[in-house]
Every structure is written in C-alpha cells, then in structure tokens.
C-alpha cells in the first residue's frame, strides 16, 4: 500500500469492478460452442478482446467484464476484518458502539490516532471488551443487545441475544453475507472515519463480494 494511503483502510473491490467493467452481467453458462456465434454476454464475448478495442487502445490485452452473483459471498482473505467490523457497530442500527460523545476521553483518544490500523484495532478491542455489548441509548443508541459473532472456517456463526431479534431466523445460525451486507452498508461516514476506513476507496461492505471479475481471453492462463 502506498505511504499516502496508510491513513485509511482501502480495498479495490465492488465499486471498481462494477464501474470499470466493459460488460455488466456476464452469463457464465452462456452458449459458446457449435455453429452459434459467441454471445455478447458470455465469458468469451468479443467485447472483452483486443480486437474490439484495438483502435481505441494501442497496447491493450483486452478489457474485463464481470458476473453478477445471485448471492453475495464473503471474501475469504478479508473474513477476519469483516467479523471485526461487524462486532464494532450495532447489528441493528449500524452505529459505532464506542466514542459517540466527543467530550469523552475515548473519542479524543481514537481521534488522535493517525494510523488506520491502530484506529480499527482500538475500536474493535474496546467494543469487544464492553460488558453486555448493548447499543447504549444514553449516547443515541437503539438499545439493541449485540449478538455473538465468531468466525468458523469460511463462515460466520451468529447467536442472537436480543429478545427483539428477527423471529424468522434461528437464534443460533450461520450469518450469510446477504444478512451482513446491510449492517456494514448503513455505517455513517463519520463512524467510518473513526474506524479507519476510507469512505471513497474502502467501505467495509466492499469486503463482501457481489460481482466476480472476468479477465479478457488474451490474458487468461491456458488450461
């Protein structure tokens, strides 16, 4: 990571894939064999290749597209950070569980930290240490009792502790990416900054994969 970017946590994921992709919504099972022409939405579409873009790009290996996943999935390499981010905010209202009052020492200490990783770890360690882990109504919280979250392999296990949890779900279950995404996406920009995230280059919900990039045929490894 460049030295200038270390002030905030950044990640190049969903927003870049969807905005820079040549073809949106590739179909991985689109017909590509026989006498039928290669479909524009298949992974072998000519729109991804050098031949279409040669006039616009003098030295170009082709442009990539992406497949929109039917279900969101966790990024395996970022799963630990995803769990920590989920444990740092309220599972119900997505407010940061600490440092809400600017007059408190907790807020001042967190604001004084310049390194993004230090902020993130400070928030996580202090929210995890709080007894009961309730979104405190005294500081504008919703009063929701936070669930227990634990990483297990490539999954996240959840145990709901609040009596007003969604009754359509089991109290103990697997937290799917589709359920975790709204919690992370509702975090306010001010809280993101305190957590060490860059709201423009590294939002926490981008750690959850929605789009799968597809490299152009010229740069794919031969099989």
C-alpha atoms as a PDB file:
ATOM      1  CA  UNK A   1       0.000   0.000   0.000  1.00  0.00           C
ATOM      2  CA  UNK A   2       1.384   3.449  -0.884  1.00  0.00           C
ATOM      3  CA  UNK A   3       2.560   5.519   2.098  1.00  0.00           C
ATOM      4  CA  UNK A   4      -0.001   8.209   1.296  1.00  0.00           C
ATOM      5  CA  UNK A   5      -2.840   5.669   1.574  1.00  0.00           C
ATOM      6  CA  UNK A   6      -1.956   4.309   5.006  1.00  0.00           C
ATOM      7  CA  UNK A   7      -4.022   6.913   6.815  1.00  0.00           C
ATOM      8  CA  UNK A   8      -7.174   4.970   5.905  1.00  0.00           C
ATOM      9  CA  UNK A   9      -8.002   1.349   5.161  1.00  0.00           C
ATOM     10  CA  UNK A  10      -8.647   0.898   1.456  1.00  0.00           C
ATOM     11  CA  UNK A  11      -9.678  -2.004  -0.766  1.00  0.00           C
ATOM     12  CA  UNK A  12     -10.224  -2.275  -4.508  1.00  0.00           C
ATOM     13  CA  UNK A  13     -13.400  -4.274  -4.872  1.00  0.00           C
ATOM     14  CA  UNK A  14     -17.057  -3.832  -5.771  1.00  0.00           C
ATOM     15  CA  UNK A  15     -17.222  -0.192  -6.829  1.00  0.00           C
ATOM     16  CA  UNK A  16     -14.203  -0.535  -9.110  1.00  0.00           C
ATOM     17  CA  UNK A  17     -15.351  -3.818 -10.633  1.00  0.00           C
ATOM     18  CA  UNK A  18     -18.825  -2.532 -11.474  1.00  0.00           C
ATOM     19  CA  UNK A  19     -17.703   0.859 -12.824  1.00  0.00           C
ATOM     20  CA  UNK A  20     -14.648  -0.259 -14.815  1.00  0.00           C
ATOM     21  CA  UNK A  21     -16.162  -3.426 -16.274  1.00  0.00           C
ATOM     22  CA  UNK A  22     -16.775  -3.488 -20.039  1.00  0.00           C
ATOM     23  CA  UNK A  23     -19.715  -5.895 -19.869  1.00  0.00           C
ATOM     24  CA  UNK A  24     -22.130  -5.897 -16.934  1.00  0.00           C
ATOM     25  CA  UNK A  25     -23.848  -9.175 -16.077  1.00  0.00           C
ATOM     26  CA  UNK A  26     -21.897 -11.822 -17.957  1.00  0.00           C
ATOM     27  CA  UNK A  27     -23.630 -15.215 -18.023  1.00  0.00           C
ATOM     28  CA  UNK A  28     -21.104 -17.967 -17.133  1.00  0.00           C
ATOM     29  CA  UNK A  29     -23.228 -20.686 -18.787  1.00  0.00           C
ATOM     30  CA  UNK A  30     -23.994 -18.763 -21.978  1.00  0.00           C
ATOM     31  CA  UNK A  31     -23.680 -20.915 -25.094  1.00  0.00           C
ATOM     32  CA  UNK A  32     -20.246 -20.625 -26.723  1.00  0.00           C
ATOM     33  CA  UNK A  33     -19.918 -23.841 -28.747  1.00  0.00           C
ATOM     34  CA  UNK A  34     -21.147 -25.163 -32.063  1.00  0.00           C
ATOM     35  CA  UNK A  35     -22.145 -23.031 -35.008  1.00  0.00           C
ATOM     36  CA  UNK A  36     -23.780 -20.402 -32.835  1.00  0.00           C
ATOM     37  CA  UNK A  37     -21.854 -17.128 -32.589  1.00  0.00           C
ATOM     38  CA  UNK A  38     -20.276 -16.217 -29.268  1.00  0.00           C
ATOM     39  CA  UNK A  39     -22.873 -14.380 -27.245  1.00  0.00           C
ATOM     40  CA  UNK A  40     -22.112 -10.839 -26.096  1.00  0.00           C
ATOM     41  CA  UNK A  41     -22.874 -11.880 -22.505  1.00  0.00           C
ATOM     42  CA  UNK A  42     -20.663 -14.980 -22.431  1.00  0.00           C
ATOM     43  CA  UNK A  43     -17.190 -15.035 -20.807  1.00  0.00           C
ATOM     44  CA  UNK A  44     -15.774 -15.357 -24.361  1.00  0.00           C
ATOM     45  CA  UNK A  45     -17.518 -12.302 -25.736  1.00  0.00           C
ATOM     46  CA  UNK A  46     -15.586 -10.422 -28.393  1.00  0.00           C
ATOM     47  CA  UNK A  47     -16.311  -7.243 -26.447  1.00  0.00           C
ATOM     48  CA  UNK A  48     -13.665  -8.392 -23.948  1.00  0.00           C
ATOM     49  CA  UNK A  49     -10.966  -9.000 -26.513  1.00  0.00           C
ATOM     50  CA  UNK A  50      -8.235  -6.899 -28.052  1.00  0.00           C
ATOM     51  CA  UNK A  51      -9.866  -6.944 -31.493  1.00  0.00           C
ATOM     52  CA  UNK A  52     -12.750  -4.690 -30.496  1.00  0.00           C
ATOM     53  CA  UNK A  53     -10.630  -2.213 -28.514  1.00  0.00           C
ATOM     54  CA  UNK A  54      -7.533  -2.144 -30.732  1.00  0.00           C
ATOM     55  CA  UNK A  55      -8.424   1.153 -32.362  1.00  0.00           C
ATOM     56  CA  UNK A  56      -9.040   2.842 -29.011  1.00  0.00           C
ATOM     57  CA  UNK A  57      -6.164   1.254 -27.086  1.00  0.00           C
ATOM     58  CA  UNK A  58      -2.835   0.939 -28.902  1.00  0.00           C
ATOM     59  CA  UNK A  59      -1.341  -1.521 -26.421  1.00  0.00           C
ATOM     60  CA  UNK A  60      -4.272  -3.374 -24.869  1.00  0.00           C
ATOM     61  CA  UNK A  61      -4.633  -7.047 -23.821  1.00  0.00           C
ATOM     62  CA  UNK A  62      -8.411  -6.671 -23.745  1.00  0.00           C
ATOM     63  CA  UNK A  63     -10.990  -5.365 -21.281  1.00  0.00           C
ATOM     64  CA  UNK A  64     -12.524  -7.317 -18.408  1.00  0.00           C
ATOM     65  CA  UNK A  65     -16.194  -7.847 -17.584  1.00  0.00           C
ATOM     66  CA  UNK A  66     -17.951  -9.219 -14.525  1.00  0.00           C
ATOM     67  CA  UNK A  67     -20.557 -11.748 -13.433  1.00  0.00           C
ATOM     68  CA  UNK A  68     -23.222 -10.546 -11.024  1.00  0.00           C
ATOM     69  CA  UNK A  69     -23.537 -13.207  -8.331  1.00  0.00           C
ATOM     70  CA  UNK A  70     -27.007 -14.458  -7.402  1.00  0.00           C
ATOM     71  CA  UNK A  71     -25.950 -14.451  -3.734  1.00  0.00           C
ATOM     72  CA  UNK A  72     -23.364 -12.287  -2.012  1.00  0.00           C
ATOM     73  CA  UNK A  73     -20.341 -14.118  -0.575  1.00  0.00           C
ATOM     74  CA  UNK A  74     -17.611 -13.241   1.916  1.00  0.00           C
ATOM     75  CA  UNK A  75     -14.094 -12.509   0.689  1.00  0.00           C
ATOM     76  CA  UNK A  76     -12.044 -15.359   2.183  1.00  0.00           C
ATOM     77  CA  UNK A  77      -8.947 -13.206   2.758  1.00  0.00           C
ATOM     78  CA  UNK A  78     -10.940 -10.432   4.427  1.00  0.00           C
ATOM     79  CA  UNK A  79     -13.258 -12.540   6.589  1.00  0.00           C
ATOM     80  CA  UNK A  80     -11.428 -11.737   9.840  1.00  0.00           C
ATOM     81  CA  UNK A  81     -11.722  -7.988   9.143  1.00  0.00           C
ATOM     82  CA  UNK A  82     -15.395  -8.452   8.233  1.00  0.00           C
ATOM     83  CA  UNK A  83     -16.122 -10.065  11.605  1.00  0.00           C
ATOM     84  CA  UNK A  84     -14.237  -7.309  13.446  1.00  0.00           C
ATOM     85  CA  UNK A  85     -16.148  -4.603  11.575  1.00  0.00           C
ATOM     86  CA  UNK A  86     -19.480  -6.289  12.371  1.00  0.00           C
ATOM     87  CA  UNK A  87     -18.577  -6.511  16.060  1.00  0.00           C
ATOM     88  CA  UNK A  88     -17.616  -2.809  16.161  1.00  0.00           C
ATOM     89  CA  UNK A  89     -21.047  -1.478  15.197  1.00  0.00           C
ATOM     90  CA  UNK A  90     -24.611  -2.096  16.300  1.00  0.00           C
ATOM     91  CA  UNK A  91     -26.139  -5.035  14.469  1.00  0.00           C
ATOM     92  CA  UNK A  92     -29.489  -3.236  14.404  1.00  0.00           C
ATOM     93  CA  UNK A  93     -28.759   0.444  13.653  1.00  0.00           C
ATOM     94  CA  UNK A  94     -25.098   0.234  12.455  1.00  0.00           C
ATOM     95  CA  UNK A  95     -23.914   2.963  14.839  1.00  0.00           C
ATOM     96  CA  UNK A  96     -20.417   2.724  16.258  1.00  0.00           C
ATOM     97  CA  UNK A  97     -20.594   1.141  19.714  1.00  0.00           C
ATOM     98  CA  UNK A  98     -17.962   3.442  21.257  1.00  0.00           C
ATOM     99  CA  UNK A  99     -16.722   7.042  21.053  1.00  0.00           C
ATOM    100  CA  UNK A 100     -20.096   8.698  20.418  1.00  0.00           C
ATOM    101  CA  UNK A 101     -19.609  11.544  22.886  1.00  0.00           C
ATOM    102  CA  UNK A 102     -16.935  13.960  21.658  1.00  0.00           C
ATOM    103  CA  UNK A 103     -16.320  15.158  25.195  1.00  0.00           C
ATOM    104  CA  UNK A 104     -15.265  11.707  26.430  1.00  0.00           C
ATOM    105  CA  UNK A 105     -11.635  10.608  26.565  1.00  0.00           C
ATOM    106  CA  UNK A 106     -12.475   7.557  24.464  1.00  0.00           C
ATOM    107  CA  UNK A 107     -13.404   9.739  21.498  1.00  0.00           C
ATOM    108  CA  UNK A 108     -10.388  12.009  21.949  1.00  0.00           C
ATOM    109  CA  UNK A 109      -8.011   9.055  22.092  1.00  0.00           C
ATOM    110  CA  UNK A 110      -9.488   7.479  18.981  1.00  0.00           C
ATOM    111  CA  UNK A 111      -9.431  10.768  17.045  1.00  0.00           C
ATOM    112  CA  UNK A 112      -5.759  11.302  17.907  1.00  0.00           C
ATOM    113  CA  UNK A 113      -4.700   8.026  16.272  1.00  0.00           C
ATOM    114  CA  UNK A 114      -3.315   8.726  12.797  1.00  0.00           C
ATOM    115  CA  UNK A 115      -2.742   5.165  11.625  1.00  0.00           C
ATOM    116  CA  UNK A 116      -5.817   3.439  10.160  1.00  0.00           C
ATOM    117  CA  UNK A 117      -4.907   0.018  11.519  1.00  0.00           C
ATOM    118  CA  UNK A 118      -4.466   1.470  15.007  1.00  0.00           C
ATOM    119  CA  UNK A 119      -7.919   3.056  14.848  1.00  0.00           C
ATOM    120  CA  UNK A 120      -9.524  -0.145  13.624  1.00  0.00           C
ATOM    121  CA  UNK A 121      -7.880  -2.250  16.333  1.00  0.00           C
ATOM    122  CA  UNK A 122      -8.694   0.323  19.037  1.00  0.00           C
ATOM    123  CA  UNK A 123     -12.386   0.317  18.086  1.00  0.00           C
ATOM    124  CA  UNK A 124     -12.541  -3.474  17.919  1.00  0.00           C
ATOM    125  CA  UNK A 125     -10.735  -4.111  21.191  1.00  0.00           C
ATOM    126  CA  UNK A 126     -12.821  -1.570  23.111  1.00  0.00           C
ATOM    127  CA  UNK A 127     -16.193  -2.676  21.742  1.00  0.00           C
ATOM    128  CA  UNK A 128     -15.368  -6.333  22.379  1.00  0.00           C
ATOM    129  CA  UNK A 129     -14.349  -5.562  25.962  1.00  0.00           C
ATOM    130  CA  UNK A 130     -17.619  -3.776  26.800  1.00  0.00           C
ATOM    131  CA  UNK A 131     -19.723  -5.851  29.193  1.00  0.00           C
ATOM    132  CA  UNK A 132     -23.120  -6.792  27.751  1.00  0.00           C
ATOM    133  CA  UNK A 133     -22.367  -5.115  24.401  1.00  0.00           C
ATOM    134  CA  UNK A 134     -25.547  -3.042  24.209  1.00  0.00           C
ATOM    135  CA  UNK A 135     -26.126  -0.135  21.842  1.00  0.00           C
ATOM    136  CA  UNK A 136     -26.325   2.429  24.650  1.00  0.00           C
ATOM    137  CA  UNK A 137     -29.492   4.598  24.449  1.00  0.00           C
ATOM    138  CA  UNK A 138     -27.770   7.224  26.616  1.00  0.00           C
ATOM    139  CA  UNK A 139     -25.500   8.109  23.692  1.00  0.00           C
ATOM    140  CA  UNK A 140     -28.149   7.941  20.967  1.00  0.00           C
ATOM    141  CA  UNK A 141     -28.176   4.156  20.564  1.00  0.00           C
ATOM    142  CA  UNK A 142     -31.168   1.919  19.926  1.00  0.00           C
ATOM    143  CA  UNK A 143     -30.737  -0.310  22.992  1.00  0.00           C
ATOM    144  CA  UNK A 144     -30.205  -3.460  20.945  1.00  0.00           C
ATOM    145  CA  UNK A 145     -28.213  -6.239  22.642  1.00  0.00           C
ATOM    146  CA  UNK A 146     -25.449  -7.293  20.283  1.00  0.00           C
ATOM    147  CA  UNK A 147     -25.265 -10.876  19.010  1.00  0.00           C
ATOM    148  CA  UNK A 148     -22.285 -13.153  19.446  1.00  0.00           C
ATOM    149  CA  UNK A 149     -20.269 -13.412  16.224  1.00  0.00           C
ATOM    150  CA  UNK A 150     -17.497 -15.903  15.589  1.00  0.00           C
ATOM    151  CA  UNK A 151     -15.507 -16.878  12.532  1.00  0.00           C
ATOM    152  CA  UNK A 152     -15.685 -20.594  11.798  1.00  0.00           C
ATOM    153  CA  UNK A 153     -13.718 -21.681   8.737  1.00  0.00           C
ATOM    154  CA  UNK A 154     -15.062 -19.631   5.845  1.00  0.00           C
ATOM    155  CA  UNK A 155     -18.343 -18.861   7.621  1.00  0.00           C
ATOM    156  CA  UNK A 156     -19.550 -16.585  10.403  1.00  0.00           C
ATOM    157  CA  UNK A 157     -21.620 -18.085  13.225  1.00  0.00           C
ATOM    158  CA  UNK A 158     -24.151 -15.839  14.957  1.00  0.00           C
ATOM    159  CA  UNK A 159     -26.105 -16.178  18.185  1.00  0.00           C
ATOM    160  CA  UNK A 160     -28.805 -13.551  18.669  1.00  0.00           C
ATOM    161  CA  UNK A 161     -29.131 -12.334  22.275  1.00  0.00           C
ATOM    162  CA  UNK A 162     -31.711  -9.552  21.955  1.00  0.00           C
ATOM    163  CA  UNK A 163     -35.337 -10.532  22.560  1.00  0.00           C
ATOM    164  CA  UNK A 164     -36.441  -8.468  19.549  1.00  0.00           C
ATOM    165  CA  UNK A 165     -34.303 -10.327  17.007  1.00  0.00           C
ATOM    166  CA  UNK A 166     -35.852 -11.485  13.731  1.00  0.00           C
ATOM    167  CA  UNK A 167     -38.072 -14.404  14.759  1.00  0.00           C
ATOM    168  CA  UNK A 168     -37.998 -15.835  11.246  1.00  0.00           C
ATOM    169  CA  UNK A 169     -34.372 -16.851  11.881  1.00  0.00           C
ATOM    170  CA  UNK A 170     -32.887 -19.359  14.301  1.00  0.00           C
ATOM    171  CA  UNK A 171     -31.305 -17.877  17.415  1.00  0.00           C
ATOM    172  CA  UNK A 172     -28.098 -19.748  16.569  1.00  0.00           C
ATOM    173  CA  UNK A 173     -27.282 -19.951  12.880  1.00  0.00           C
ATOM    174  CA  UNK A 174     -24.865 -19.068  10.104  1.00  0.00           C
ATOM    175  CA  UNK A 175     -24.686 -15.381   9.236  1.00  0.00           C
ATOM    176  CA  UNK A 176     -24.853 -15.221   5.467  1.00  0.00           C
ATOM    177  CA  UNK A 177     -23.246 -12.414   3.500  1.00  0.00           C
ATOM    178  CA  UNK A 178     -26.667 -11.170   2.356  1.00  0.00           C
ATOM    179  CA  UNK A 179     -27.564 -10.506   6.012  1.00  0.00           C
ATOM    180  CA  UNK A 180     -24.209  -8.961   6.955  1.00  0.00           C
ATOM    181  CA  UNK A 181     -24.138  -6.575   3.977  1.00  0.00           C
ATOM    182  CA  UNK A 182     -26.934  -4.213   5.189  1.00  0.00           C
ATOM    183  CA  UNK A 183     -25.257  -3.851   8.603  1.00  0.00           C
ATOM    184  CA  UNK A 184     -21.983  -2.716   7.046  1.00  0.00           C
ATOM    185  CA  UNK A 185     -23.513  -0.577   4.292  1.00  0.00           C
ATOM    186  CA  UNK A 186     -25.526   1.552   6.777  1.00  0.00           C
ATOM    187  CA  UNK A 187     -22.457   2.713   8.745  1.00  0.00           C
ATOM    188  CA  UNK A 188     -22.268   6.508   8.630  1.00  0.00           C
ATOM    189  CA  UNK A 189     -19.280   8.283   7.075  1.00  0.00           C
ATOM    190  CA  UNK A 190     -18.215   9.846  10.384  1.00  0.00           C
ATOM    191  CA  UNK A 191     -18.086   6.416  12.008  1.00  0.00           C
ATOM    192  CA  UNK A 192     -16.168   5.007   9.045  1.00  0.00           C
ATOM    193  CA  UNK A 193     -13.500   7.650   9.529  1.00  0.00           C
ATOM    194  CA  UNK A 194     -13.193   6.820  13.225  1.00  0.00           C
ATOM    195  CA  UNK A 195     -12.874   3.127  12.340  1.00  0.00           C
ATOM    196  CA  UNK A 196     -10.052   3.894   9.909  1.00  0.00           C
ATOM    197  CA  UNK A 197     -11.956   3.216   6.679  1.00  0.00           C
ATOM    198  CA  UNK A 198     -11.820   5.428   3.596  1.00  0.00           C
ATOM    199  CA  UNK A 199     -15.425   6.111   2.575  1.00  0.00           C
ATOM    200  CA  UNK A 200     -14.459   6.590  -1.073  1.00  0.00           C
ATOM    201  CA  UNK A 201     -11.822   3.893  -1.513  1.00  0.00           C
ATOM    202  CA  UNK A 202     -12.513   1.246   1.111  1.00  0.00           C
ATOM    203  CA  UNK A 203     -16.002   0.939   2.589  1.00  0.00           C
ATOM    204  CA  UNK A 204     -16.480  -2.154   4.805  1.00  0.00           C
ATOM    205  CA  UNK A 205     -19.358  -3.572   2.748  1.00  0.00           C
ATOM    206  CA  UNK A 206     -16.941  -3.876  -0.181  1.00  0.00           C
ATOM    207  CA  UNK A 207     -15.320  -6.758   1.700  1.00  0.00           C
ATOM    208  CA  UNK A 208     -18.404  -8.721   0.625  1.00  0.00           C
ATOM    209  CA  UNK A 209     -18.316  -9.891  -2.990  1.00  0.00           C
ATOM    210  CA  UNK A 210     -21.259  -9.131  -5.282  1.00  0.00           C
ATOM    211  CA  UNK A 211     -19.510  -9.102  -8.656  1.00  0.00           C
ATOM    212  CA  UNK A 212     -16.950 -11.598  -9.941  1.00  0.00           C
ATOM    213  CA  UNK A 213     -14.453 -10.043 -12.387  1.00  0.00           C
ATOM    214  CA  UNK A 214     -13.827 -11.896 -15.640  1.00  0.00           C
ATOM    215  CA  UNK A 215     -10.442 -11.371 -17.284  1.00  0.00           C
ATOM    216  CA  UNK A 216     -10.299 -10.955 -21.095  1.00  0.00           C
ATOM    217  CA  UNK A 217      -9.454 -14.153 -23.015  1.00  0.00           C
ATOM    218  CA  UNK A 218      -5.967 -12.971 -24.159  1.00  0.00           C
ATOM    219  CA  UNK A 219      -4.645 -12.814 -20.576  1.00  0.00           C
ATOM    220  CA  UNK A 220      -6.290 -15.973 -19.208  1.00  0.00           C
ATOM    221  CA  UNK A 221      -3.965 -18.880 -18.428  1.00  0.00           C
ATOM    222  CA  UNK A 222      -4.195 -21.761 -20.873  1.00  0.00           C
ATOM    223  CA  UNK A 223      -5.800 -24.871 -19.417  1.00  0.00           C
END
